[in-house]
């Protein structure tokens, strides 16, 4: 029989033990926990996102801030087949572009000549 306490706590209000377990499970922070964040519907119609963190004596749902738009974009991106050329919509505004050279302002050339 599992005798661990169960609780819900916000990321900002974690105690030191829970914070250490969170940082051990998600050392890169946001980049790590988004795929694990689950949506929970509250009785008042609002929602929150949380990840499960387990310590020696507690199982906690840690509420994390997730923008609904970001969550939908990330879920869509994670569920895509990876072929950016296929599809009806232009996702270039939703996800970052790895080709940063296109954003050159031309100032680099001027500063190199000085």
PDB file of N, CA and C in Angstrom:
ATOM      1  N   UNK A   1       0.841  -1.181   0.000  1.00  0.00           N
ATOM      2  CA  UNK A   1       0.000   0.000   0.000  1.00  0.00           C
ATOM      3  C   UNK A   1       0.887   1.245   0.000  1.00  0.00           C
ATOM      4  N   UNK A   2       0.546   2.201  -0.871  1.00  0.00           N
ATOM      5  CA  UNK A   2       1.324   3.428  -0.995  1.00  0.00           C
ATOM      6  C   UNK A   2       0.897   4.426   0.083  1.00  0.00           C
ATOM      7  N   UNK A   3       1.847   4.823   0.934  1.00  0.00           N
ATOM      8  CA  UNK A   3       1.523   5.744   2.025  1.00  0.00           C
ATOM      9  C   UNK A   3       2.063   7.149   1.774  1.00  0.00           C
ATOM     10  N   UNK A   4       2.470   7.420   0.546  1.00  0.00           N
ATOM     11  CA  UNK A   4       3.006   8.748   0.237  1.00  0.00           C
ATOM     12  C   UNK A   4       1.895   9.787   0.246  1.00  0.00           C
ATOM     13  N   UNK A   5       2.252  10.976   0.733  1.00  0.00           N
ATOM     14  CA  UNK A   5       1.314  12.091   0.699  1.00  0.00           C
ATOM     15  C   UNK A   5       1.171  12.551  -0.741  1.00  0.00           C
ATOM     16  N   UNK A   6       0.009  13.030  -1.064  1.00  0.00           N
ATOM     17  CA  UNK A   6      -0.245  13.586  -2.384  1.00  0.00           C
ATOM     18  C   UNK A   6      -0.641  15.040  -2.207  1.00  0.00           C
ATOM     19  N   UNK A   7      -0.069  15.899  -3.070  1.00  0.00           N
ATOM     20  CA  UNK A   7      -0.394  17.319  -2.962  1.00  0.00           C
ATOM     21  C   UNK A   7      -0.198  18.024  -4.294  1.00  0.00           C
ATOM     22  N   UNK A   8      -0.812  19.186  -4.410  1.00  0.00           N
ATOM     23  CA  UNK A   8      -0.658  20.049  -5.567  1.00  0.00           C
ATOM     24  C   UNK A   8       0.001  21.326  -5.070  1.00  0.00           C
ATOM     25  N   UNK A   9       1.057  21.738  -5.757  1.00  0.00           N
ATOM     26  CA  UNK A   9       1.791  22.935  -5.347  1.00  0.00           C
ATOM     27  C   UNK A   9       2.230  23.686  -6.594  1.00  0.00           C
ATOM     28  N   UNK A  10       2.254  25.001  -6.506  1.00  0.00           N
ATOM     29  CA  UNK A  10       2.732  25.776  -7.652  1.00  0.00           C
ATOM     30  C   UNK A  10       4.259  25.766  -7.663  1.00  0.00           C
ATOM     31  N   UNK A  11       4.810  25.962  -8.842  1.00  0.00           N
ATOM     32  CA  UNK A  11       6.260  25.970  -9.013  1.00  0.00           C
ATOM     33  C   UNK A  11       6.915  26.968  -8.064  1.00  0.00           C
ATOM     34  N   UNK A  12       6.302  28.114  -7.903  1.00  0.00           N
ATOM     35  CA  UNK A  12       6.865  29.179  -7.072  1.00  0.00           C
ATOM     36  C   UNK A  12       6.856  28.828  -5.590  1.00  0.00           C
ATOM     37  N   UNK A  13       5.968  27.928  -5.157  1.00  0.00           N
ATOM     38  CA  UNK A  13       5.815  27.623  -3.733  1.00  0.00           C
ATOM     39  C   UNK A  13       6.384  26.267  -3.319  1.00  0.00           C
ATOM     40  N   UNK A  14       7.239  25.676  -4.139  1.00  0.00           N
ATOM     41  CA  UNK A  14       7.826  24.390  -3.779  1.00  0.00           C
ATOM     42  C   UNK A  14       8.786  24.550  -2.601  1.00  0.00           C
ATOM     43  N   UNK A  15       8.811  23.539  -1.723  1.00  0.00           N
ATOM     44  CA  UNK A  15       9.805  23.553  -0.652  1.00  0.00           C
ATOM     45  C   UNK A  15      11.146  23.094  -1.224  1.00  0.00           C
ATOM     46  N   UNK A  16      12.190  23.166  -0.420  1.00  0.00           N
ATOM     47  CA  UNK A  16      13.542  22.860  -0.889  1.00  0.00           C
ATOM     48  C   UNK A  16      13.685  21.419  -1.390  1.00  0.00           C
ATOM     49  N   UNK A  17      13.056  20.464  -0.703  1.00  0.00           N
ATOM     50  CA  UNK A  17      13.158  19.054  -1.087  1.00  0.00           C
ATOM     51  C   UNK A  17      12.489  18.838  -2.444  1.00  0.00           C
ATOM     52  N   UNK A  18      11.314  19.401  -2.615  1.00  0.00           N
ATOM     53  CA  UNK A  18      10.593  19.254  -3.877  1.00  0.00           C
ATOM     54  C   UNK A  18      11.308  19.991  -5.012  1.00  0.00           C
ATOM     55  N   UNK A  19      11.855  21.158  -4.704  1.00  0.00           N
ATOM     56  CA  UNK A  19      12.598  21.924  -5.713  1.00  0.00           C
ATOM     57  C   UNK A  19      13.829  21.134  -6.195  1.00  0.00           C
ATOM     58  N   UNK A  20      14.526  20.483  -5.266  1.00  0.00           N
ATOM     59  CA  UNK A  20      15.697  19.690  -5.639  1.00  0.00           C
ATOM     60  C   UNK A  20      15.284  18.515  -6.529  1.00  0.00           C
ATOM     61  N   UNK A  21      14.168  17.864  -6.208  1.00  0.00           N
ATOM     62  CA  UNK A  21      13.681  16.749  -7.024  1.00  0.00           C
ATOM     63  C   UNK A  21      13.261  17.244  -8.409  1.00  0.00           C
ATOM     64  N   UNK A  22      12.638  18.431  -8.463  1.00  0.00           N
ATOM     65  CA  UNK A  22      12.229  19.015  -9.743  1.00  0.00           C
ATOM     66  C   UNK A  22      13.458  19.304 -10.604  1.00  0.00           C
ATOM     67  N   UNK A  23      14.465  19.932  -9.998  1.00  0.00           N
ATOM     68  CA  UNK A  23      15.683  20.283 -10.744  1.00  0.00           C
ATOM     69  C   UNK A  23      16.459  19.043 -11.183  1.00  0.00           C
ATOM     70  N   UNK A  24      16.372  17.964 -10.401  1.00  0.00           N
ATOM     71  CA  UNK A  24      17.029  16.720 -10.796  1.00  0.00           C
ATOM     72  C   UNK A  24      16.313  16.090 -11.996  1.00  0.00           C
ATOM     73  N   UNK A  25      14.986  16.123 -11.974  1.00  0.00           N
ATOM     74  CA  UNK A  25      14.205  15.533 -13.060  1.00  0.00           C
ATOM     75  C   UNK A  25      14.235  16.400 -14.320  1.00  0.00           C
ATOM     76  N   UNK A  26      14.254  17.728 -14.137  1.00  0.00           N
ATOM     77  CA  UNK A  26      14.215  18.667 -15.262  1.00  0.00           C
ATOM     78  C   UNK A  26      15.373  19.666 -15.168  1.00  0.00           C
ATOM     79  N   UNK A  27      16.600  19.224 -15.400  1.00  0.00           N
ATOM     80  CA  UNK A  27      17.757  20.111 -15.238  1.00  0.00           C
ATOM     81  C   UNK A  27      17.792  21.277 -16.226  1.00  0.00           C
ATOM     82  N   UNK A  28      17.121  21.141 -17.370  1.00  0.00           N
ATOM     83  CA  UNK A  28      17.104  22.226 -18.356  1.00  0.00           C
ATOM     84  C   UNK A  28      15.881  23.118 -18.208  1.00  0.00           C
ATOM     85  N   UNK A  29      15.053  22.859 -17.210  1.00  0.00           N
ATOM     86  CA  UNK A  29      13.885  23.690 -16.961  1.00  0.00           C
ATOM     87  C   UNK A  29      12.805  23.510 -18.003  1.00  0.00           C
ATOM     88  N   UNK A  30      12.298  24.609 -18.517  1.00  0.00           N
ATOM     89  CA  UNK A  30      11.162  24.637 -19.423  1.00  0.00           C
ATOM     90  C   UNK A  30      11.311  23.690 -20.601  1.00  0.00           C
ATOM     91  N   UNK A  31      12.478  23.645 -21.198  1.00  0.00           N
ATOM     92  CA  UNK A  31      12.687  22.794 -22.371  1.00  0.00           C
ATOM     93  C   UNK A  31      12.444  21.325 -22.039  1.00  0.00           C
ATOM     94  N   UNK A  32      12.713  20.940 -20.808  1.00  0.00           N
ATOM     95  CA  UNK A  32      12.544  19.544 -20.410  1.00  0.00           C
ATOM     96  C   UNK A  32      11.106  19.196 -20.038  1.00  0.00           C
ATOM     97  N   UNK A  33      10.410  20.075 -19.303  1.00  0.00           N
ATOM     98  CA  UNK A  33       9.138  19.642 -18.739  1.00  0.00           C
ATOM     99  C   UNK A  33       7.932  19.823 -19.653  1.00  0.00           C
ATOM    100  N   UNK A  34       8.014  20.612 -20.697  1.00  0.00           N
ATOM    101  CA  UNK A  34       6.835  20.817 -21.538  1.00  0.00           C
ATOM    102  C   UNK A  34       6.229  19.537 -22.097  1.00  0.00           C
ATOM    103  N   UNK A  35       7.032  18.588 -22.583  1.00  0.00           N
ATOM    104  CA  UNK A  35       6.402  17.353 -23.072  1.00  0.00           C
ATOM    105  C   UNK A  35       5.697  16.556 -21.969  1.00  0.00           C
ATOM    106  N   UNK A  36       6.108  16.728 -20.720  1.00  0.00           N
ATOM    107  CA  UNK A  36       5.504  15.997 -19.601  1.00  0.00           C
ATOM    108  C   UNK A  36       4.344  16.739 -18.957  1.00  0.00           C
ATOM    109  N   UNK A  37       4.142  18.006 -19.300  1.00  0.00           N
ATOM    110  CA  UNK A  37       3.082  18.793 -18.678  1.00  0.00           C
ATOM    111  C   UNK A  37       1.719  18.270 -19.118  1.00  0.00           C
ATOM    112  N   UNK A  38       0.887  18.000 -18.139  1.00  0.00           N
ATOM    113  CA  UNK A  38      -0.469  17.523 -18.404  1.00  0.00           C
ATOM    114  C   UNK A  38      -1.467  18.611 -18.064  1.00  0.00           C
ATOM    115  N   UNK A  39      -2.552  18.626 -18.791  1.00  0.00           N
ATOM    116  CA  UNK A  39      -3.610  19.612 -18.574  1.00  0.00           C
ATOM    117  C   UNK A  39      -4.620  19.035 -17.587  1.00  0.00           C
ATOM    118  N   UNK A  40      -4.996  19.858 -16.603  1.00  0.00           N
ATOM    119  CA  UNK A  40      -5.991  19.468 -15.614  1.00  0.00           C
ATOM    120  C   UNK A  40      -7.106  20.496 -15.619  1.00  0.00           C
ATOM    121  N   UNK A  41      -8.346  20.015 -15.742  1.00  0.00           N
ATOM    122  CA  UNK A  41      -9.519  20.889 -15.723  1.00  0.00           C
ATOM    123  C   UNK A  41     -10.019  21.020 -14.295  1.00  0.00           C
ATOM    124  N   UNK A  42     -10.230  22.262 -13.872  1.00  0.00           N
ATOM    125  CA  UNK A  42     -10.757  22.517 -12.541  1.00  0.00           C
ATOM    126  C   UNK A  42     -12.280  22.618 -12.615  1.00  0.00           C
ATOM    127  N   UNK A  43     -12.977  22.398 -11.500  1.00  0.00           N
ATOM    128  CA  UNK A  43     -14.447  22.446 -11.516  1.00  0.00           C
ATOM    129  C   UNK A  43     -15.015  23.801 -11.957  1.00  0.00           C
ATOM    130  N   UNK A  44     -14.254  24.875 -11.770  1.00  0.00           N
ATOM    131  CA  UNK A  44     -14.768  26.194 -12.155  1.00  0.00           C
ATOM    132  C   UNK A  44     -14.578  26.492 -13.640  1.00  0.00           C
ATOM    133  N   UNK A  45     -14.074  25.511 -14.401  1.00  0.00           N
ATOM    134  CA  UNK A  45     -13.915  25.679 -15.839  1.00  0.00           C
ATOM    135  C   UNK A  45     -12.531  26.146 -16.268  1.00  0.00           C
ATOM    136  N   UNK A  46     -11.686  26.549 -15.330  1.00  0.00           N
ATOM    137  CA  UNK A  46     -10.331  26.946 -15.672  1.00  0.00           C
ATOM    138  C   UNK A  46      -9.445  25.703 -15.741  1.00  0.00           C
ATOM    139  N   UNK A  47      -8.273  25.869 -16.305  1.00  0.00           N
ATOM    140  CA  UNK A  47      -7.342  24.750 -16.427  1.00  0.00           C
ATOM    141  C   UNK A  47      -5.982  25.150 -15.873  1.00  0.00           C
ATOM    142  N   UNK A  48      -5.199  24.147 -15.543  1.00  0.00           N
ATOM    143  CA  UNK A  48      -3.806  24.382 -15.202  1.00  0.00           C
ATOM    144  C   UNK A  48      -2.991  23.224 -15.745  1.00  0.00           C
ATOM    145  N   UNK A  49      -1.707  23.452 -15.900  1.00  0.00           N
ATOM    146  CA  UNK A  49      -0.781  22.428 -16.374  1.00  0.00           C
ATOM    147  C   UNK A  49       0.148  22.075 -15.233  1.00  0.00           C
ATOM    148  N   UNK A  50       0.488  20.785 -15.126  1.00  0.00           N
ATOM    149  CA  UNK A  50       1.348  20.338 -14.031  1.00  0.00           C
ATOM    150  C   UNK A  50       2.170  19.140 -14.466  1.00  0.00           C
ATOM    151  N   UNK A  51       3.287  18.969 -13.784  1.00  0.00           N
ATOM    152  CA  UNK A  51       4.123  17.784 -13.949  1.00  0.00           C
ATOM    153  C   UNK A  51       4.154  17.049 -12.619  1.00  0.00           C
ATOM    154  N   UNK A  52       4.377  15.755 -12.670  1.00  0.00           N
ATOM    155  CA  UNK A  52       4.425  14.946 -11.460  1.00  0.00           C
ATOM    156  C   UNK A  52       5.869  14.830 -10.988  1.00  0.00           C
ATOM    157  N   UNK A  53       6.076  15.150  -9.715  1.00  0.00           N
ATOM    158  CA  UNK A  53       7.389  15.016  -9.084  1.00  0.00           C
ATOM    159  C   UNK A  53       7.208  14.128  -7.859  1.00  0.00           C
ATOM    160  N   UNK A  54       8.091  13.150  -7.741  1.00  0.00           N
ATOM    161  CA  UNK A  54       7.989  12.217  -6.626  1.00  0.00           C
ATOM    162  C   UNK A  54       9.233  12.302  -5.761  1.00  0.00           C
ATOM    163  N   UNK A  55       9.025  12.429  -4.450  1.00  0.00           N
ATOM    164  CA  UNK A  55      10.121  12.399  -3.486  1.00  0.00           C
ATOM    165  C   UNK A  55       9.946  11.141  -2.634  1.00  0.00           C
ATOM    166  N   UNK A  56      10.767  11.012  -1.628  1.00  0.00           N
ATOM    167  CA  UNK A  56      10.731   9.831  -0.773  1.00  0.00           C
ATOM    168  C   UNK A  56       9.374   9.627  -0.099  1.00  0.00           C
ATOM    169  N   UNK A  57       8.721  10.732   0.303  1.00  0.00           N
ATOM    170  CA  UNK A  57       7.459  10.601   1.031  1.00  0.00           C
ATOM    171  C   UNK A  57       6.272  11.313   0.385  1.00  0.00           C
ATOM    172  N   UNK A  58       6.462  11.916  -0.809  1.00  0.00           N
ATOM    173  CA  UNK A  58       5.400  12.713  -1.417  1.00  0.00           C
ATOM    174  C   UNK A  58       5.334  12.504  -2.930  1.00  0.00           C
ATOM    175  N   UNK A  59       4.131  12.506  -3.443  1.00  0.00           N
ATOM    176  CA  UNK A  59       3.897  12.593  -4.886  1.00  0.00           C
ATOM    177  C   UNK A  59       3.182  13.921  -5.093  1.00  0.00           C
ATOM    178  N   UNK A  60       3.814  14.803  -5.847  1.00  0.00           N
ATOM    179  CA  UNK A  60       3.266  16.145  -6.010  1.00  0.00           C
ATOM    180  C   UNK A  60       2.987  16.458  -7.467  1.00  0.00           C
ATOM    181  N   UNK A  61       1.883  17.154  -7.687  1.00  0.00           N
ATOM    182  CA  UNK A  61       1.633  17.782  -8.973  1.00  0.00           C
ATOM    183  C   UNK A  61       2.154  19.201  -8.838  1.00  0.00           C
ATOM    184  N   UNK A  62       3.151  19.539  -9.625  1.00  0.00           N
ATOM    185  CA  UNK A  62       3.725  20.874  -9.578  1.00  0.00           C
ATOM    186  C   UNK A  62       3.130  21.677 -10.731  1.00  0.00           C
ATOM    187  N   UNK A  63       2.353  22.699 -10.381  1.00  0.00           N
ATOM    188  CA  UNK A  63       1.735  23.540 -11.402  1.00  0.00           C
ATOM    189  C   UNK A  63       2.806  24.398 -12.061  1.00  0.00           C
ATOM    190  N   UNK A  64       2.823  24.369 -13.387  1.00  0.00           N
ATOM    191  CA  UNK A  64       3.796  25.139 -14.149  1.00  0.00           C
ATOM    192  C   UNK A  64       3.054  26.080 -15.081  1.00  0.00           C
ATOM    193  N   UNK A  65       3.668  27.226 -15.355  1.00  0.00           N
ATOM    194  CA  UNK A  65       3.076  28.196 -16.260  1.00  0.00           C
ATOM    195  C   UNK A  65       3.301  27.753 -17.692  1.00  0.00           C
ATOM    196  N   UNK A  66       2.208  27.579 -18.407  1.00  0.00           N
ATOM    197  CA  UNK A  66       2.260  27.223 -19.817  1.00  0.00           C
ATOM    198  C   UNK A  66       1.250  28.095 -20.527  1.00  0.00           C
ATOM    199  N   UNK A  67       1.711  28.841 -21.505  1.00  0.00           N
ATOM    200  CA  UNK A  67       0.801  29.626 -22.322  1.00  0.00           C
ATOM    201  C   UNK A  67      -0.030  28.658 -23.148  1.00  0.00           C
ATOM    202  N   UNK A  68      -1.335  28.877 -23.192  1.00  0.00           N
ATOM    203  CA  UNK A  68      -2.209  27.979 -23.948  1.00  0.00           C
ATOM    204  C   UNK A  68      -1.787  27.945 -25.402  1.00  0.00           C
ATOM    205  N   UNK A  69      -1.468  29.104 -25.976  1.00  0.00           N
ATOM    206  CA  UNK A  69      -1.032  29.140 -27.367  1.00  0.00           C
ATOM    207  C   UNK A  69       0.244  28.348 -27.544  1.00  0.00           C
ATOM    208  N   UNK A  70       1.186  28.522 -26.646  1.00  0.00           N
ATOM    209  CA  UNK A  70       2.457  27.805 -26.735  1.00  0.00           C
ATOM    210  C   UNK A  70       2.234  26.307 -26.586  1.00  0.00           C
ATOM    211  N   UNK A  71       1.362  25.921 -25.676  1.00  0.00           N
ATOM    212  CA  UNK A  71       1.097  24.498 -25.470  1.00  0.00           C
ATOM    213  C   UNK A  71       0.488  23.883 -26.722  1.00  0.00           C
ATOM    214  N   UNK A  72      -0.445  24.586 -27.351  1.00  0.00           N
ATOM    215  CA  UNK A  72      -1.065  24.062 -28.572  1.00  0.00           C
ATOM    216  C   UNK A  72      -0.046  23.984 -29.704  1.00  0.00           C
ATOM    217  N   UNK A  73       0.810  25.010 -29.842  1.00  0.00           N
ATOM    218  CA  UNK A  73       1.836  24.999 -30.880  1.00  0.00           C
ATOM    219  C   UNK A  73       2.821  23.868 -30.662  1.00  0.00           C
ATOM    220  N   UNK A  74       3.229  23.673 -29.428  1.00  0.00           N
ATOM    221  CA  UNK A  74       4.199  22.625 -29.115  1.00  0.00           C
ATOM    222  C   UNK A  74       3.580  21.255 -29.330  1.00  0.00           C
ATOM    223  N   UNK A  75       2.330  21.082 -28.894  1.00  0.00           N
ATOM    224  CA  UNK A  75       1.666  19.794 -29.094  1.00  0.00           C
ATOM    225  C   UNK A  75       1.534  19.495 -30.581  1.00  0.00           C
ATOM    226  N   UNK A  76       1.172  20.504 -31.363  1.00  0.00           N
ATOM    227  CA  UNK A  76       1.061  20.331 -32.812  1.00  0.00           C
ATOM    228  C   UNK A  76       2.407  19.977 -33.418  1.00  0.00           C
ATOM    229  N   UNK A  77       3.446  20.673 -32.978  1.00  0.00           N
ATOM    230  CA  UNK A  77       4.792  20.423 -33.488  1.00  0.00           C
ATOM    231  C   UNK A  77       5.267  19.025 -33.117  1.00  0.00           C
ATOM    232  N   UNK A  78       5.014  18.606 -31.864  1.00  0.00           N
ATOM    233  CA  UNK A  78       5.434  17.279 -31.419  1.00  0.00           C
ATOM    234  C   UNK A  78       4.692  16.178 -32.170  1.00  0.00           C
ATOM    235  N   UNK A  79       3.450  16.433 -32.539  1.00  0.00           N
ATOM    236  CA  UNK A  79       2.647  15.429 -33.233  1.00  0.00           C
ATOM    237  C   UNK A  79       2.817  15.468 -34.741  1.00  0.00           C
ATOM    238  N   UNK A  80       3.578  16.431 -35.269  1.00  0.00           N
ATOM    239  CA  UNK A  80       3.761  16.511 -36.709  1.00  0.00           C
ATOM    240  C   UNK A  80       4.680  15.393 -37.179  1.00  0.00           C
ATOM    241  N   UNK A  81       4.648  15.145 -38.481  1.00  0.00           N
ATOM    242  CA  UNK A  81       5.467  14.068 -39.035  1.00  0.00           C
ATOM    243  C   UNK A  81       6.882  14.514 -39.359  1.00  0.00           C
ATOM    244  N   UNK A  82       7.185  15.797 -39.131  1.00  0.00           N
ATOM    245  CA  UNK A  82       8.542  16.295 -39.348  1.00  0.00           C
ATOM    246  C   UNK A  82       8.783  16.828 -40.735  1.00  0.00           C
ATOM    247  N   UNK A  83       7.814  16.704 -41.646  1.00  0.00           N
ATOM    248  CA  UNK A  83       7.965  17.199 -43.013  1.00  0.00           C
ATOM    249  C   UNK A  83       7.362  18.587 -43.091  1.00  0.00           C
ATOM    250  N   UNK A  84       8.203  19.616 -43.019  1.00  0.00           N
ATOM    251  CA  UNK A  84       7.728  20.990 -43.024  1.00  0.00           C
ATOM    252  C   UNK A  84       7.163  21.413 -44.364  1.00  0.00           C
ATOM    253  N   UNK A  85       7.537  20.731 -45.462  1.00  0.00           N
ATOM    254  CA  UNK A  85       7.060  21.141 -46.775  1.00  0.00           C
ATOM    255  C   UNK A  85       5.621  20.711 -47.010  1.00  0.00           C
ATOM    256  N   UNK A  86       5.170  19.683 -46.307  1.00  0.00           N
ATOM    257  CA  UNK A  86       3.791  19.235 -46.469  1.00  0.00           C
ATOM    258  C   UNK A  86       2.912  19.973 -45.481  1.00  0.00           C
ATOM    259  N   UNK A  87       1.685  20.205 -45.852  1.00  0.00           N
ATOM    260  CA  UNK A  87       0.766  20.874 -44.949  1.00  0.00           C
ATOM    261  C   UNK A  87       0.196  22.106 -45.586  1.00  0.00           C
ATOM    262  N   UNK A  88      -0.975  22.479 -45.103  1.00  0.00           N
ATOM    263  CA  UNK A  88      -1.692  23.590 -45.705  1.00  0.00           C
ATOM    264  C   UNK A  88      -1.343  24.928 -45.088  1.00  0.00           C
ATOM    265  N   UNK A  89      -0.857  24.934 -43.835  1.00  0.00           N
ATOM    266  CA  UNK A  89      -0.636  26.210 -43.176  1.00  0.00           C
ATOM    267  C   UNK A  89       0.842  26.550 -43.140  1.00  0.00           C
ATOM    268  N   UNK A  90       1.105  27.832 -42.986  1.00  0.00           N
ATOM    269  CA  UNK A  90       2.474  28.323 -42.883  1.00  0.00           C
ATOM    270  C   UNK A  90       2.828  28.417 -41.418  1.00  0.00           C
ATOM    271  N   UNK A  91       3.662  27.498 -40.915  1.00  0.00           N
ATOM    272  CA  UNK A  91       4.026  27.461 -39.503  1.00  0.00           C
ATOM    273  C   UNK A  91       5.241  28.316 -39.190  1.00  0.00           C
ATOM    274  N   UNK A  92       5.730  29.096 -40.141  1.00  0.00           N
ATOM    275  CA  UNK A  92       6.952  29.857 -39.912  1.00  0.00           C
ATOM    276  C   UNK A  92       6.776  30.907 -38.822  1.00  0.00           C
ATOM    277  N   UNK A  93       5.538  31.345 -38.560  1.00  0.00           N
ATOM    278  CA  UNK A  93       5.308  32.320 -37.497  1.00  0.00           C
ATOM    279  C   UNK A  93       5.178  31.655 -36.137  1.00  0.00           C
ATOM    280  N   UNK A  94       4.949  30.335 -36.102  1.00  0.00           N
ATOM    281  CA  UNK A  94       4.699  29.640 -34.852  1.00  0.00           C
ATOM    282  C   UNK A  94       5.953  29.073 -34.212  1.00  0.00           C
ATOM    283  N   UNK A  95       6.914  28.661 -35.019  1.00  0.00           N
ATOM    284  CA  UNK A  95       8.093  28.003 -34.487  1.00  0.00           C
ATOM    285  C   UNK A  95       9.345  28.758 -34.911  1.00  0.00           C
ATOM    286  N   UNK A  96      10.381  28.742 -34.096  1.00  0.00           N
ATOM    287  CA  UNK A  96      11.599  29.475 -34.441  1.00  0.00           C
ATOM    288  C   UNK A  96      12.282  28.909 -35.678  1.00  0.00           C
ATOM    289  N   UNK A  97      12.963  29.789 -36.387  1.00  0.00           N
ATOM    290  CA  UNK A  97      13.687  29.405 -37.585  1.00  0.00           C
ATOM    291  C   UNK A  97      15.152  29.247 -37.221  1.00  0.00           C
ATOM    292  N   UNK A  98      15.744  28.111 -37.579  1.00  0.00           N
ATOM    293  CA  UNK A  98      17.141  27.852 -37.250  1.00  0.00           C
ATOM    294  C   UNK A  98      18.105  28.663 -38.097  1.00  0.00           C
ATOM    295  N   UNK A  99      17.657  29.189 -39.215  1.00  0.00           N
ATOM    296  CA  UNK A  99      18.527  29.925 -40.120  1.00  0.00           C
ATOM    297  C   UNK A  99      18.561  31.397 -39.709  1.00  0.00           C
ATOM    298  N   UNK A 100      19.458  31.737 -38.780  1.00  0.00           N
ATOM    299  CA  UNK A 100      19.499  33.113 -38.276  1.00  0.00           C
ATOM    300  C   UNK A 100      20.226  34.058 -39.222  1.00  0.00           C
ATOM    301  N   UNK A 101      20.928  33.517 -40.208  1.00  0.00           N
ATOM    302  CA  UNK A 101      21.663  34.392 -41.120  1.00  0.00           C
ATOM    303  C   UNK A 101      20.730  35.281 -41.927  1.00  0.00           C
ATOM    304  N   UNK A 102      19.488  34.869 -42.094  1.00  0.00           N
ATOM    305  CA  UNK A 102      18.543  35.676 -42.851  1.00  0.00           C
ATOM    306  C   UNK A 102      18.167  36.959 -42.114  1.00  0.00           C
ATOM    307  N   UNK A 103      18.493  37.064 -40.842  1.00  0.00           N
ATOM    308  CA  UNK A 103      18.147  38.232 -40.056  1.00  0.00           C
ATOM    309  C   UNK A 103      19.283  39.241 -39.979  1.00  0.00           C
ATOM    310  N   UNK A 104      20.299  39.083 -40.776  1.00  0.00           N
ATOM    311  CA  UNK A 104      21.441  39.995 -40.784  1.00  0.00           C
ATOM    312  C   UNK A 104      20.986  41.393 -41.161  1.00  0.00           C
ATOM    313  N   UNK A 105      21.454  42.379 -40.413  1.00  0.00           N
ATOM    314  CA  UNK A 105      21.060  43.758 -40.679  1.00  0.00           C
ATOM    315  C   UNK A 105      22.045  44.455 -41.600  1.00  0.00           C
ATOM    316  N   UNK A 106      23.150  43.809 -41.887  1.00  0.00           N
ATOM    317  CA  UNK A 106      24.159  44.427 -42.739  1.00  0.00           C
ATOM    318  C   UNK A 106      25.160  45.245 -41.945  1.00  0.00           C
ATOM    319  N   UNK A 107      24.910  45.463 -40.660  1.00  0.00           N
ATOM    320  CA  UNK A 107      25.810  46.245 -39.820  1.00  0.00           C
ATOM    321  C   UNK A 107      27.136  45.534 -39.599  1.00  0.00           C
ATOM    322  N   UNK A 108      27.128  44.199 -39.694  1.00  0.00           N
ATOM    323  CA  UNK A 108      28.356  43.450 -39.456  1.00  0.00           C
ATOM    324  C   UNK A 108      29.436  43.836 -40.467  1.00  0.00           C
ATOM    325  N   UNK A 109      29.025  44.001 -41.724  1.00  0.00           N
ATOM    326  CA  UNK A 109      29.991  44.353 -42.755  1.00  0.00           C
ATOM    327  C   UNK A 109      30.586  45.735 -42.495  1.00  0.00           C
ATOM    328  N   UNK A 110      29.745  46.665 -42.071  1.00  0.00           N
ATOM    329  CA  UNK A 110      30.215  48.017 -41.811  1.00  0.00           C
ATOM    330  C   UNK A 110      31.167  48.037 -40.619  1.00  0.00           C
ATOM    331  N   UNK A 111      30.876  47.244 -39.591  1.00  0.00           N
ATOM    332  CA  UNK A 111      31.745  47.253 -38.406  1.00  0.00           C
ATOM    333  C   UNK A 111      33.061  46.531 -38.681  1.00  0.00           C
ATOM    334  N   UNK A 112      33.049  45.569 -39.628  1.00  0.00           N
ATOM    335  CA  UNK A 112      34.284  44.861 -39.959  1.00  0.00           C
ATOM    336  C   UNK A 112      35.259  45.785 -40.689  1.00  0.00           C
ATOM    337  N   UNK A 113      34.750  46.770 -41.387  1.00  0.00           N
ATOM    338  CA  UNK A 113      35.605  47.653 -42.189  1.00  0.00           C
ATOM    339  C   UNK A 113      36.202  48.764 -41.362  1.00  0.00           C
ATOM    340  N   UNK A 114      35.686  48.993 -40.168  1.00  0.00           N
ATOM    341  CA  UNK A 114      36.189  50.100 -39.335  1.00  0.00           C
ATOM    342  C   UNK A 114      37.485  49.763 -38.668  1.00  0.00           C
TER     343      UNK A 114
END
